[in-house]
């Protein structure tokens, strides 16, 4: 069983920054790929970014490339999503996810970007 807790969301003006955190318990994240997804009102959940177990390879959705950075700190069992130059279309609930013996999701953290 893995528990994921996201934090760091909030209200920010367009052009601002936020750093989201996803802390895992019940399993070390160092051996697994971790991903961030988001879901805006009325839309399907979409991929945002992912990072490999070693942290050496990252992947981003085209819509966030150059603005978002995913990283991990294995010692804290935590993955981060640094979000810069935020846009109103980034408004969504952001979730982290990990697949070990099963697929686990956090409860999400709300990000709201005002224009």
PDB file of N, CA and C in Angstrom:
ATOM      1  N   UNK A   1       0.847  -1.185   0.000  1.00  0.00           N
ATOM      2  CA  UNK A   1       0.000   0.000   0.000  1.00  0.00           C
ATOM      3  C   UNK A   1       0.885   1.238   0.000  1.00  0.00           C
ATOM      4  N   UNK A   2       0.556   2.172  -0.863  1.00  0.00           N
ATOM      5  CA  UNK A   2       1.300   3.417  -0.977  1.00  0.00           C
ATOM      6  C   UNK A   2       0.348   4.578  -0.757  1.00  0.00           C
ATOM      7  N   UNK A   3       0.755   5.533   0.041  1.00  0.00           N
ATOM      8  CA  UNK A   3      -0.014   6.759   0.209  1.00  0.00           C
ATOM      9  C   UNK A   3       0.778   7.921  -0.392  1.00  0.00           C
ATOM     10  N   UNK A   4       0.081   8.725  -1.171  1.00  0.00           N
ATOM     11  CA  UNK A   4       0.683   9.892  -1.802  1.00  0.00           C
ATOM     12  C   UNK A   4      -0.053  11.138  -1.328  1.00  0.00           C
ATOM     13  N   UNK A   5       0.693  12.123  -0.901  1.00  0.00           N
ATOM     14  CA  UNK A   5       0.090  13.372  -0.438  1.00  0.00           C
ATOM     15  C   UNK A   5       0.703  14.534  -1.208  1.00  0.00           C
ATOM     16  N   UNK A   6      -0.151  15.242  -1.961  1.00  0.00           N
ATOM     17  CA  UNK A   6       0.296  16.420  -2.688  1.00  0.00           C
ATOM     18  C   UNK A   6       0.084  17.669  -1.842  1.00  0.00           C
ATOM     19  N   UNK A   7       0.930  18.648  -2.070  1.00  0.00           N
ATOM     20  CA  UNK A   7       0.789  19.940  -1.412  1.00  0.00           C
ATOM     21  C   UNK A   7       1.440  21.011  -2.269  1.00  0.00           C
ATOM     22  N   UNK A   8       1.189  22.257  -1.905  1.00  0.00           N
ATOM     23  CA  UNK A   8       1.836  23.363  -2.598  1.00  0.00           C
ATOM     24  C   UNK A   8       0.957  24.115  -3.569  1.00  0.00           C
ATOM     25  N   UNK A   9      -0.266  23.648  -3.771  1.00  0.00           N
ATOM     26  CA  UNK A   9      -1.155  24.360  -4.675  1.00  0.00           C
ATOM     27  C   UNK A   9      -1.618  25.672  -4.069  1.00  0.00           C
ATOM     28  N   UNK A  10      -2.308  26.445  -4.888  1.00  0.00           N
ATOM     29  CA  UNK A  10      -2.820  27.726  -4.407  1.00  0.00           C
ATOM     30  C   UNK A  10      -3.274  28.597  -5.538  1.00  0.00           C
ATOM     31  N   UNK A  11      -3.497  29.857  -5.202  1.00  0.00           N
ATOM     32  CA  UNK A  11      -3.934  30.863  -6.176  1.00  0.00           C
ATOM     33  C   UNK A  11      -2.740  31.750  -6.520  1.00  0.00           C
ATOM     34  N   UNK A  12      -2.502  31.913  -7.809  1.00  0.00           N
ATOM     35  CA  UNK A  12      -1.373  32.720  -8.252  1.00  0.00           C
ATOM     36  C   UNK A  12      -1.780  33.480  -9.505  1.00  0.00           C
ATOM     37  N   UNK A  13      -1.168  34.618  -9.708  1.00  0.00           N
ATOM     38  CA  UNK A  13      -1.445  35.390 -10.918  1.00  0.00           C
ATOM     39  C   UNK A  13      -0.678  34.810 -12.096  1.00  0.00           C
ATOM     40  N   UNK A  14      -1.183  35.053 -13.271  1.00  0.00           N
ATOM     41  CA  UNK A  14      -0.497  34.622 -14.487  1.00  0.00           C
ATOM     42  C   UNK A  14       0.932  35.156 -14.490  1.00  0.00           C
ATOM     43  N   UNK A  15       1.850  34.294 -14.885  1.00  0.00           N
ATOM     44  CA  UNK A  15       3.263  34.647 -14.864  1.00  0.00           C
ATOM     45  C   UNK A  15       3.969  34.267 -13.584  1.00  0.00           C
ATOM     46  N   UNK A  16       3.207  33.881 -12.584  1.00  0.00           N
ATOM     47  CA  UNK A  16       3.778  33.508 -11.301  1.00  0.00           C
ATOM     48  C   UNK A  16       4.260  32.071 -11.275  1.00  0.00           C
ATOM     49  N   UNK A  17       4.712  31.657 -10.091  1.00  0.00           N
ATOM     50  CA  UNK A  17       5.280  30.323  -9.917  1.00  0.00           C
ATOM     51  C   UNK A  17       4.696  29.630  -8.692  1.00  0.00           C
ATOM     52  N   UNK A  18       4.697  28.329  -8.751  1.00  0.00           N
ATOM     53  CA  UNK A  18       4.345  27.481  -7.618  1.00  0.00           C
ATOM     54  C   UNK A  18       5.226  26.240  -7.662  1.00  0.00           C
ATOM     55  N   UNK A  19       5.473  25.649  -6.499  1.00  0.00           N
ATOM     56  CA  UNK A  19       6.153  24.366  -6.451  1.00  0.00           C
ATOM     57  C   UNK A  19       5.260  23.372  -5.726  1.00  0.00           C
ATOM     58  N   UNK A  20       4.892  22.340  -6.444  1.00  0.00           N
ATOM     59  CA  UNK A  20       4.086  21.277  -5.859  1.00  0.00           C
ATOM     60  C   UNK A  20       5.007  20.182  -5.311  1.00  0.00           C
ATOM     61  N   UNK A  21       4.556  19.547  -4.236  1.00  0.00           N
ATOM     62  CA  UNK A  21       5.278  18.430  -3.655  1.00  0.00           C
ATOM     63  C   UNK A  21       4.369  17.216  -3.592  1.00  0.00           C
ATOM     64  N   UNK A  22       4.952  16.062  -3.748  1.00  0.00           N
ATOM     65  CA  UNK A  22       4.232  14.797  -3.609  1.00  0.00           C
ATOM     66  C   UNK A  22       5.095  13.902  -2.729  1.00  0.00           C
ATOM     67  N   UNK A  23       4.612  13.643  -1.529  1.00  0.00           N
ATOM     68  CA  UNK A  23       5.367  12.820  -0.584  1.00  0.00           C
ATOM     69  C   UNK A  23       4.709  11.461  -0.449  1.00  0.00           C
ATOM     70  N   UNK A  24       5.525  10.437  -0.571  1.00  0.00           N
ATOM     71  CA  UNK A  24       5.023   9.066  -0.512  1.00  0.00           C
ATOM     72  C   UNK A  24       5.347   8.412   0.818  1.00  0.00           C
ATOM     73  N   UNK A  25       4.468   7.522   1.221  1.00  0.00           N
ATOM     74  CA  UNK A  25       4.717   6.686   2.391  1.00  0.00           C
ATOM     75  C   UNK A  25       4.261   5.275   2.063  1.00  0.00           C
ATOM     76  N   UNK A  26       4.852   4.318   2.736  1.00  0.00           N
ATOM     77  CA  UNK A  26       4.485   2.936   2.508  1.00  0.00           C
ATOM     78  C   UNK A  26       5.378   2.237   1.503  1.00  0.00           C
ATOM     79  N   UNK A  27       6.123   3.009   0.722  1.00  0.00           N
ATOM     80  CA  UNK A  27       7.031   2.422  -0.260  1.00  0.00           C
ATOM     81  C   UNK A  27       8.024   3.493  -0.671  1.00  0.00           C
ATOM     82  N   UNK A  28       9.251   3.102  -0.817  1.00  0.00           N
ATOM     83  CA  UNK A  28      10.231   4.072  -1.297  1.00  0.00           C
ATOM     84  C   UNK A  28      10.013   4.345  -2.778  1.00  0.00           C
ATOM     85  N   UNK A  29      10.140   5.606  -3.151  1.00  0.00           N
ATOM     86  CA  UNK A  29       9.879   5.973  -4.537  1.00  0.00           C
ATOM     87  C   UNK A  29      11.101   5.793  -5.420  1.00  0.00           C
ATOM     88  N   UNK A  30      12.226   5.489  -4.823  1.00  0.00           N
ATOM     89  CA  UNK A  30      13.472   5.493  -5.577  1.00  0.00           C
ATOM     90  C   UNK A  30      13.495   4.456  -6.693  1.00  0.00           C
ATOM     91  N   UNK A  31      12.643   3.447  -6.606  1.00  0.00           N
ATOM     92  CA  UNK A  31      12.674   2.380  -7.599  1.00  0.00           C
ATOM     93  C   UNK A  31      11.596   2.504  -8.657  1.00  0.00           C
ATOM     94  N   UNK A  32      10.842   3.600  -8.641  1.00  0.00           N
ATOM     95  CA  UNK A  32       9.669   3.680  -9.507  1.00  0.00           C
ATOM     96  C   UNK A  32       9.598   4.995 -10.268  1.00  0.00           C
ATOM     97  N   UNK A  33       8.860   4.945 -11.366  1.00  0.00           N
ATOM     98  CA  UNK A  33       8.519   6.157 -12.107  1.00  0.00           C
ATOM     99  C   UNK A  33       7.377   6.866 -11.379  1.00  0.00           C
ATOM    100  N   UNK A  34       7.513   8.175 -11.261  1.00  0.00           N
ATOM    101  CA  UNK A  34       6.464   8.990 -10.653  1.00  0.00           C
ATOM    102  C   UNK A  34       5.962   9.960 -11.702  1.00  0.00           C
ATOM    103  N   UNK A  35       4.656  10.158 -11.720  1.00  0.00           N
ATOM    104  CA  UNK A  35       4.093  11.084 -12.695  1.00  0.00           C
ATOM    105  C   UNK A  35       3.200  12.117 -12.043  1.00  0.00           C
ATOM    106  N   UNK A  36       3.054  13.235 -12.740  1.00  0.00           N
ATOM    107  CA  UNK A  36       2.091  14.276 -12.377  1.00  0.00           C
ATOM    108  C   UNK A  36       1.047  14.350 -13.489  1.00  0.00           C
ATOM    109  N   UNK A  37      -0.207  14.410 -13.103  1.00  0.00           N
ATOM    110  CA  UNK A  37      -1.320  14.607 -14.006  1.00  0.00           C
ATOM    111  C   UNK A  37      -2.131  15.787 -13.484  1.00  0.00           C
ATOM    112  N   UNK A  38      -3.009  16.288 -14.318  1.00  0.00           N
ATOM    113  CA  UNK A  38      -3.909  17.349 -13.880  1.00  0.00           C
ATOM    114  C   UNK A  38      -5.272  17.179 -14.520  1.00  0.00           C
ATOM    115  N   UNK A  39      -6.264  17.735 -13.852  1.00  0.00           N
ATOM    116  CA  UNK A  39      -7.618  17.683 -14.378  1.00  0.00           C
ATOM    117  C   UNK A  39      -8.289  19.019 -14.154  1.00  0.00           C
ATOM    118  N   UNK A  40      -8.642  19.652 -15.254  1.00  0.00           N
ATOM    119  CA  UNK A  40      -9.363  20.919 -15.217  1.00  0.00           C
ATOM    120  C   UNK A  40     -10.861  20.639 -15.203  1.00  0.00           C
ATOM    121  N   UNK A  41     -11.663  21.576 -14.722  1.00  0.00           N
ATOM    122  CA  UNK A  41     -13.122  21.372 -14.674  1.00  0.00           C
ATOM    123  C   UNK A  41     -13.679  21.040 -16.048  1.00  0.00           C
ATOM    124  N   UNK A  42     -14.452  19.969 -16.111  1.00  0.00           N
ATOM    125  CA  UNK A  42     -15.083  19.592 -17.359  1.00  0.00           C
ATOM    126  C   UNK A  42     -14.177  18.913 -18.362  1.00  0.00           C
ATOM    127  N   UNK A  43     -12.935  18.663 -17.961  1.00  0.00           N
ATOM    128  CA  UNK A  43     -11.984  18.031 -18.879  1.00  0.00           C
ATOM    129  C   UNK A  43     -11.474  16.716 -18.295  1.00  0.00           C
ATOM    130  N   UNK A  44     -10.892  15.906 -19.173  1.00  0.00           N
ATOM    131  CA  UNK A  44     -10.318  14.654 -18.722  1.00  0.00           C
ATOM    132  C   UNK A  44      -8.962  14.901 -18.079  1.00  0.00           C
ATOM    133  N   UNK A  45      -8.581  13.960 -17.226  1.00  0.00           N
ATOM    134  CA  UNK A  45      -7.267  14.041 -16.605  1.00  0.00           C
ATOM    135  C   UNK A  45      -6.192  13.903 -17.687  1.00  0.00           C
ATOM    136  N   UNK A  46      -5.147  14.732 -17.605  1.00  0.00           N
ATOM    137  CA  UNK A  46      -4.112  14.699 -18.623  1.00  0.00           C
ATOM    138  C   UNK A  46      -2.730  14.614 -18.003  1.00  0.00           C
ATOM    139  N   UNK A  47      -1.823  14.021 -18.755  1.00  0.00           N
ATOM    140  CA  UNK A  47      -0.439  13.888 -18.329  1.00  0.00           C
ATOM    141  C   UNK A  47       0.249  15.248 -18.308  1.00  0.00           C
ATOM    142  N   UNK A  48       1.080  15.448 -17.277  1.00  0.00           N
ATOM    143  CA  UNK A  48       1.850  16.683 -17.179  1.00  0.00           C
ATOM    144  C   UNK A  48       3.346  16.398 -17.268  1.00  0.00           C
ATOM    145  N   UNK A  49       3.830  15.510 -16.400  1.00  0.00           N
ATOM    146  CA  UNK A  49       5.270  15.235 -16.372  1.00  0.00           C
ATOM    147  C   UNK A  49       5.518  13.916 -15.665  1.00  0.00           C
ATOM    148  N   UNK A  50       6.695  13.337 -15.911  1.00  0.00           N
ATOM    149  CA  UNK A  50       7.087  12.105 -15.242  1.00  0.00           C
ATOM    150  C   UNK A  50       8.594  12.078 -15.078  1.00  0.00           C
ATOM    151  N   UNK A  51       9.033  11.286 -14.106  1.00  0.00           N
ATOM    152  CA  UNK A  51      10.466  11.165 -13.846  1.00  0.00           C
ATOM    153  C   UNK A  51      10.774   9.709 -13.530  1.00  0.00           C
ATOM    154  N   UNK A  52      11.896   9.223 -14.060  1.00  0.00           N
ATOM    155  CA  UNK A  52      12.266   7.827 -13.851  1.00  0.00           C
ATOM    156  C   UNK A  52      12.799   7.596 -12.441  1.00  0.00           C
ATOM    157  N   UNK A  53      12.976   6.335 -12.120  1.00  0.00           N
ATOM    158  CA  UNK A  53      13.404   5.967 -10.775  1.00  0.00           C
ATOM    159  C   UNK A  53      14.753   6.607 -10.432  1.00  0.00           C
ATOM    160  N   UNK A  54      15.636   6.659 -11.390  1.00  0.00           N
ATOM    161  CA  UNK A  54      16.954   7.250 -11.142  1.00  0.00           C
ATOM    162  C   UNK A  54      16.921   8.766 -11.173  1.00  0.00           C
ATOM    163  N   UNK A  55      15.845   9.297 -11.719  1.00  0.00           N
ATOM    164  CA  UNK A  55      15.767  10.747 -11.896  1.00  0.00           C
ATOM    165  C   UNK A  55      16.498  11.237 -13.122  1.00  0.00           C
ATOM    166  N   UNK A  56      17.062  10.300 -13.878  1.00  0.00           N
ATOM    167  CA  UNK A  56      17.861  10.709 -15.020  1.00  0.00           C
ATOM    168  C   UNK A  56      17.074  11.059 -16.254  1.00  0.00           C
ATOM    169  N   UNK A  57      15.851  10.610 -16.334  1.00  0.00           N
ATOM    170  CA  UNK A  57      15.028  10.866 -17.516  1.00  0.00           C
ATOM    171  C   UNK A  57      13.717  11.490 -17.071  1.00  0.00           C
ATOM    172  N   UNK A  58      13.369  12.573 -17.733  1.00  0.00           N
ATOM    173  CA  UNK A  58      12.100  13.244 -17.462  1.00  0.00           C
ATOM    174  C   UNK A  58      11.322  13.384 -18.753  1.00  0.00           C
ATOM    175  N   UNK A  59      10.028  13.524 -18.617  1.00  0.00           N
ATOM    176  CA  UNK A  59       9.144  13.662 -19.759  1.00  0.00           C
ATOM    177  C   UNK A  59       8.087  14.699 -19.429  1.00  0.00           C
ATOM    178  N   UNK A  60       7.721  15.504 -20.429  1.00  0.00           N
ATOM    179  CA  UNK A  60       6.757  16.576 -20.209  1.00  0.00           C
ATOM    180  C   UNK A  60       5.732  16.623 -21.324  1.00  0.00           C
ATOM    181  N   UNK A  61       4.540  17.060 -20.956  1.00  0.00           N
ATOM    182  CA  UNK A  61       3.551  17.391 -21.971  1.00  0.00           C
ATOM    183  C   UNK A  61       4.030  18.624 -22.726  1.00  0.00           C
ATOM    184  N   UNK A  62       3.681  18.692 -23.998  1.00  0.00           N
ATOM    185  CA  UNK A  62       4.114  19.829 -24.812  1.00  0.00           C
ATOM    186  C   UNK A  62       3.648  21.155 -24.216  1.00  0.00           C
ATOM    187  N   UNK A  63       2.499  21.140 -23.590  1.00  0.00           N
ATOM    188  CA  UNK A  63       1.913  22.377 -23.078  1.00  0.00           C
ATOM    189  C   UNK A  63       2.692  22.971 -21.903  1.00  0.00           C
ATOM    190  N   UNK A  64       3.561  22.175 -21.275  1.00  0.00           N
ATOM    191  CA  UNK A  64       4.286  22.681 -20.105  1.00  0.00           C
ATOM    192  C   UNK A  64       5.798  22.686 -20.312  1.00  0.00           C
ATOM    193  N   UNK A  65       6.263  22.181 -21.433  1.00  0.00           N
ATOM    194  CA  UNK A  65       7.709  22.143 -21.691  1.00  0.00           C
ATOM    195  C   UNK A  65       8.307  23.532 -21.625  1.00  0.00           C
ATOM    196  N   UNK A  66       9.438  23.624 -20.943  1.00  0.00           N
ATOM    197  CA  UNK A  66      10.111  24.898 -20.804  1.00  0.00           C
ATOM    198  C   UNK A  66       9.596  25.744 -19.655  1.00  0.00           C
ATOM    199  N   UNK A  67       8.484  25.344 -19.062  1.00  0.00           N
ATOM    200  CA  UNK A  67       7.914  26.097 -17.940  1.00  0.00           C
ATOM    201  C   UNK A  67       7.893  25.276 -16.649  1.00  0.00           C
ATOM    202  N   UNK A  68       7.679  23.972 -16.762  1.00  0.00           N
ATOM    203  CA  UNK A  68       7.591  23.102 -15.595  1.00  0.00           C
ATOM    204  C   UNK A  68       8.842  22.225 -15.520  1.00  0.00           C
ATOM    205  N   UNK A  69       9.241  21.917 -14.293  1.00  0.00           N
ATOM    206  CA  UNK A  69      10.375  21.023 -14.066  1.00  0.00           C
ATOM    207  C   UNK A  69      10.015  20.021 -12.981  1.00  0.00           C
ATOM    208  N   UNK A  70      10.176  18.746 -13.304  1.00  0.00           N
ATOM    209  CA  UNK A  70       9.929  17.698 -12.324  1.00  0.00           C
ATOM    210  C   UNK A  70      11.267  17.238 -11.758  1.00  0.00           C
ATOM    211  N   UNK A  71      11.294  16.984 -10.463  1.00  0.00           N
ATOM    212  CA  UNK A  71      12.514  16.513  -9.821  1.00  0.00           C
ATOM    213  C   UNK A  71      12.116  15.632  -8.638  1.00  0.00           C
ATOM    214  N   UNK A  72      13.100  14.933  -8.106  1.00  0.00           N
ATOM    215  CA  UNK A  72      12.797  14.072  -6.960  1.00  0.00           C
ATOM    216  C   UNK A  72      13.921  14.133  -5.942  1.00  0.00           C
ATOM    217  N   UNK A  73      13.554  13.912  -4.711  1.00  0.00           N
ATOM    218  CA  UNK A  73      14.502  13.854  -3.613  1.00  0.00           C
ATOM    219  C   UNK A  73      14.235  12.550  -2.870  1.00  0.00           C
ATOM    220  N   UNK A  74      14.995  11.533  -3.244  1.00  0.00           N
ATOM    221  CA  UNK A  74      14.736  10.196  -2.699  1.00  0.00           C
ATOM    222  C   UNK A  74      14.867  10.150  -1.181  1.00  0.00           C
ATOM    223  N   UNK A  75      15.765  10.919  -0.642  1.00  0.00           N
ATOM    224  CA  UNK A  75      15.957  10.900   0.810  1.00  0.00           C
ATOM    225  C   UNK A  75      14.697  11.340   1.553  1.00  0.00           C
ATOM    226  N   UNK A  76      13.899  12.172   0.902  1.00  0.00           N
ATOM    227  CA  UNK A  76      12.643  12.646   1.499  1.00  0.00           C
ATOM    228  C   UNK A  76      11.431  11.920   0.915  1.00  0.00           C
ATOM    229  N   UNK A  77      11.714  10.967   0.015  1.00  0.00           N
ATOM    230  CA  UNK A  77      10.619  10.224  -0.629  1.00  0.00           C
ATOM    231  C   UNK A  77       9.602  11.174  -1.261  1.00  0.00           C
ATOM    232  N   UNK A  78      10.112  12.194  -1.898  1.00  0.00           N
ATOM    233  CA  UNK A  78       9.277  13.292  -2.402  1.00  0.00           C
ATOM    234  C   UNK A  78       9.640  13.631  -3.837  1.00  0.00           C
ATOM    235  N   UNK A  79       8.616  13.930  -4.610  1.00  0.00           N
ATOM    236  CA  UNK A  79       8.764  14.413  -5.983  1.00  0.00           C
ATOM    237  C   UNK A  79       8.197  15.824  -6.039  1.00  0.00           C
ATOM    238  N   UNK A  80       8.863  16.679  -6.800  1.00  0.00           N
ATOM    239  CA  UNK A  80       8.446  18.067  -6.914  1.00  0.00           C
ATOM    240  C   UNK A  80       8.044  18.394  -8.345  1.00  0.00           C
ATOM    241  N   UNK A  81       7.196  19.396  -8.470  1.00  0.00           N
ATOM    242  CA  UNK A  81       6.869  19.955  -9.770  1.00  0.00           C
ATOM    243  C   UNK A  81       6.983  21.468  -9.641  1.00  0.00           C
ATOM    244  N   UNK A  82       8.073  21.992 -10.172  1.00  0.00           N
ATOM    245  CA  UNK A  82       8.262  23.439 -10.189  1.00  0.00           C
ATOM    246  C   UNK A  82       7.554  23.995 -11.401  1.00  0.00           C
ATOM    247  N   UNK A  83       6.650  24.916 -11.174  1.00  0.00           N
ATOM    248  CA  UNK A  83       5.833  25.470 -12.247  1.00  0.00           C
ATOM    249  C   UNK A  83       6.102  26.968 -12.341  1.00  0.00           C
ATOM    250  N   UNK A  84       6.667  27.380 -13.447  1.00  0.00           N
ATOM    251  CA  UNK A  84       6.976  28.786 -13.684  1.00  0.00           C
ATOM    252  C   UNK A  84       6.144  29.332 -14.835  1.00  0.00           C
ATOM    253  N   UNK A  85       6.060  30.648 -14.892  1.00  0.00           N
ATOM    254  CA  UNK A  85       5.318  31.308 -15.964  1.00  0.00           C
ATOM    255  C   UNK A  85       3.926  30.677 -16.134  1.00  0.00           C
ATOM    256  N   UNK A  86       3.235  30.577 -15.031  1.00  0.00           N
ATOM    257  CA  UNK A  86       1.923  29.930 -15.055  1.00  0.00           C
ATOM    258  C   UNK A  86       0.924  30.718 -15.882  1.00  0.00           C
ATOM    259  N   UNK A  87       0.031  29.973 -16.513  1.00  0.00           N
ATOM    260  CA  UNK A  87      -0.995  30.551 -17.369  1.00  0.00           C
ATOM    261  C   UNK A  87      -2.375  30.157 -16.837  1.00  0.00           C
ATOM    262  N   UNK A  88      -3.405  30.933 -17.163  1.00  0.00           N
ATOM    263  CA  UNK A  88      -4.750  30.568 -16.696  1.00  0.00           C
ATOM    264  C   UNK A  88      -5.149  29.147 -17.107  1.00  0.00           C
ATOM    265  N   UNK A  89      -4.665  28.691 -18.253  1.00  0.00           N
ATOM    266  CA  UNK A  89      -5.019  27.338 -18.701  1.00  0.00           C
ATOM    267  C   UNK A  89      -4.320  26.242 -17.900  1.00  0.00           C
ATOM    268  N   UNK A  90      -3.421  26.611 -17.011  1.00  0.00           N
ATOM    269  CA  UNK A  90      -2.815  25.634 -16.103  1.00  0.00           C
ATOM    270  C   UNK A  90      -3.706  25.365 -14.883  1.00  0.00           C
ATOM    271  N   UNK A  91      -4.786  26.111 -14.761  1.00  0.00           N
ATOM    272  CA  UNK A  91      -5.705  25.907 -13.647  1.00  0.00           C
ATOM    273  C   UNK A  91      -6.282  24.498 -13.681  1.00  0.00           C
ATOM    274  N   UNK A  92      -6.110  23.777 -12.583  1.00  0.00           N
ATOM    275  CA  UNK A  92      -6.550  22.379 -12.515  1.00  0.00           C
ATOM    276  C   UNK A  92      -6.238  21.826 -11.132  1.00  0.00           C
ATOM    277  N   UNK A  93      -6.755  20.644 -10.883  1.00  0.00           N
ATOM    278  CA  UNK A  93      -6.305  19.864  -9.732  1.00  0.00           C
ATOM    279  C   UNK A  93      -5.145  18.993 -10.209  1.00  0.00           C
ATOM    280  N   UNK A  94      -4.048  19.061  -9.485  1.00  0.00           N
ATOM    281  CA  UNK A  94      -2.851  18.326  -9.863  1.00  0.00           C
ATOM    282  C   UNK A  94      -2.688  17.100  -8.962  1.00  0.00           C
ATOM    283  N   UNK A  95      -2.427  15.977  -9.604  1.00  0.00           N
ATOM    284  CA  UNK A  95      -2.289  14.706  -8.916  1.00  0.00           C
ATOM    285  C   UNK A  95      -0.925  14.086  -9.217  1.00  0.00           C
ATOM    286  N   UNK A  96      -0.364  13.407  -8.230  1.00  0.00           N
ATOM    287  CA  UNK A  96       0.803  12.579  -8.511  1.00  0.00           C
ATOM    288  C   UNK A  96       0.364  11.116  -8.467  1.00  0.00           C
ATOM    289  N   UNK A  97       1.127  10.288  -9.156  1.00  0.00           N
ATOM    290  CA  UNK A  97       0.778   8.888  -9.263  1.00  0.00           C
ATOM    291  C   UNK A  97       2.026   8.025  -9.340  1.00  0.00           C
ATOM    292  N   UNK A  98       1.909   6.826  -8.811  1.00  0.00           N
ATOM    293  CA  UNK A  98       2.995   5.856  -8.861  1.00  0.00           C
ATOM    294  C   UNK A  98       2.375   4.480  -9.068  1.00  0.00           C
ATOM    295  N   UNK A  99       3.055   3.664  -9.844  1.00  0.00           N
ATOM    296  CA  UNK A  99       2.591   2.297 -10.054  1.00  0.00           C
ATOM    297  C   UNK A  99       3.631   1.347  -9.494  1.00  0.00           C
ATOM    298  N   UNK A 100       3.250   0.602  -8.464  1.00  0.00           N
ATOM    299  CA  UNK A 100       4.116  -0.419  -7.893  1.00  0.00           C
ATOM    300  C   UNK A 100       3.424  -1.762  -8.108  1.00  0.00           C
ATOM    301  N   UNK A 101       2.810  -2.303  -7.091  1.00  0.00           N
ATOM    302  CA  UNK A 101       1.982  -3.499  -7.262  1.00  0.00           C
ATOM    303  C   UNK A 101       0.608  -3.120  -7.794  1.00  0.00           C
ATOM    304  N   UNK A 102       0.292  -1.864  -7.707  1.00  0.00           N
ATOM    305  CA  UNK A 102      -0.973  -1.310  -8.190  1.00  0.00           C
ATOM    306  C   UNK A 102      -0.730   0.152  -8.533  1.00  0.00           C
ATOM    307  N   UNK A 103      -1.730   0.773  -9.080  1.00  0.00           N
ATOM    308  CA  UNK A 103      -1.630   2.191  -9.418  1.00  0.00           C
ATOM    309  C   UNK A 103      -2.197   3.000  -8.255  1.00  0.00           C
ATOM    310  N   UNK A 104      -1.398   3.952  -7.781  1.00  0.00           N
ATOM    311  CA  UNK A 104      -1.810   4.784  -6.656  1.00  0.00           C
ATOM    312  C   UNK A 104      -1.838   6.246  -7.067  1.00  0.00           C
ATOM    313  N   UNK A 105      -2.815   6.973  -6.522  1.00  0.00           N
ATOM    314  CA  UNK A 105      -2.977   8.396  -6.783  1.00  0.00           C
ATOM    315  C   UNK A 105      -3.115   9.136  -5.463  1.00  0.00           C
ATOM    316  N   UNK A 106      -2.634  10.356  -5.462  1.00  0.00           N
ATOM    317  CA  UNK A 106      -2.873  11.220  -4.321  1.00  0.00           C
ATOM    318  C   UNK A 106      -4.256  11.838  -4.407  1.00  0.00           C
ATOM    319  N   UNK A 107      -4.568  12.677  -3.421  1.00  0.00           N
ATOM    320  CA  UNK A 107      -5.904  13.293  -3.370  1.00  0.00           C
ATOM    321  C   UNK A 107      -5.980  14.540  -4.240  1.00  0.00           C
ATOM    322  N   UNK A 108      -4.825  15.032  -4.662  1.00  0.00           N
ATOM    323  CA  UNK A 108      -4.791  16.197  -5.530  1.00  0.00           C
ATOM    324  C   UNK A 108      -4.611  17.499  -4.773  1.00  0.00           C
ATOM    325  N   UNK A 109      -4.067  18.485  -5.475  1.00  0.00           N
ATOM    326  CA  UNK A 109      -3.925  19.832  -4.928  1.00  0.00           C
ATOM    327  C   UNK A 109      -4.366  20.826  -5.990  1.00  0.00           C
ATOM    328  N   UNK A 110      -5.166  21.798  -5.576  1.00  0.00           N
ATOM    329  CA  UNK A 110      -5.761  22.744  -6.517  1.00  0.00           C
ATOM    330  C   UNK A 110      -4.760  23.843  -6.877  1.00  0.00           C
ATOM    331  N   UNK A 111      -4.625  24.083  -8.159  1.00  0.00           N
ATOM    332  CA  UNK A 111      -3.840  25.203  -8.666  1.00  0.00           C
ATOM    333  C   UNK A 111      -4.775  26.099  -9.458  1.00  0.00           C
ATOM    334  N   UNK A 112      -4.830  27.359  -9.084  1.00  0.00           N
ATOM    335  CA  UNK A 112      -5.668  28.316  -9.771  1.00  0.00           C
ATOM    336  C   UNK A 112      -4.815  29.496 -10.218  1.00  0.00           C
ATOM    337  N   UNK A 113      -4.846  29.766 -11.511  1.00  0.00           N
ATOM    338  CA  UNK A 113      -4.056  30.852 -12.076  1.00  0.00           C
ATOM    339  C   UNK A 113      -5.007  31.914 -12.597  1.00  0.00           C
ATOM    340  N   UNK A 114      -4.910  33.095 -12.039  1.00  0.00           N
ATOM    341  CA  UNK A 114      -5.788  34.182 -12.446  1.00  0.00           C
ATOM    342  C   UNK A 114      -5.122  35.016 -13.546  1.00  0.00           C
ATOM    343  N   UNK A 115      -5.957  35.550 -14.415  1.00  0.00           N
ATOM    344  CA  UNK A 115      -5.415  36.356 -15.540  1.00  0.00           C
ATOM    345  C   UNK A 115      -5.280  37.813 -15.159  1.00  0.00           C
TER     346      UNK A 115
END
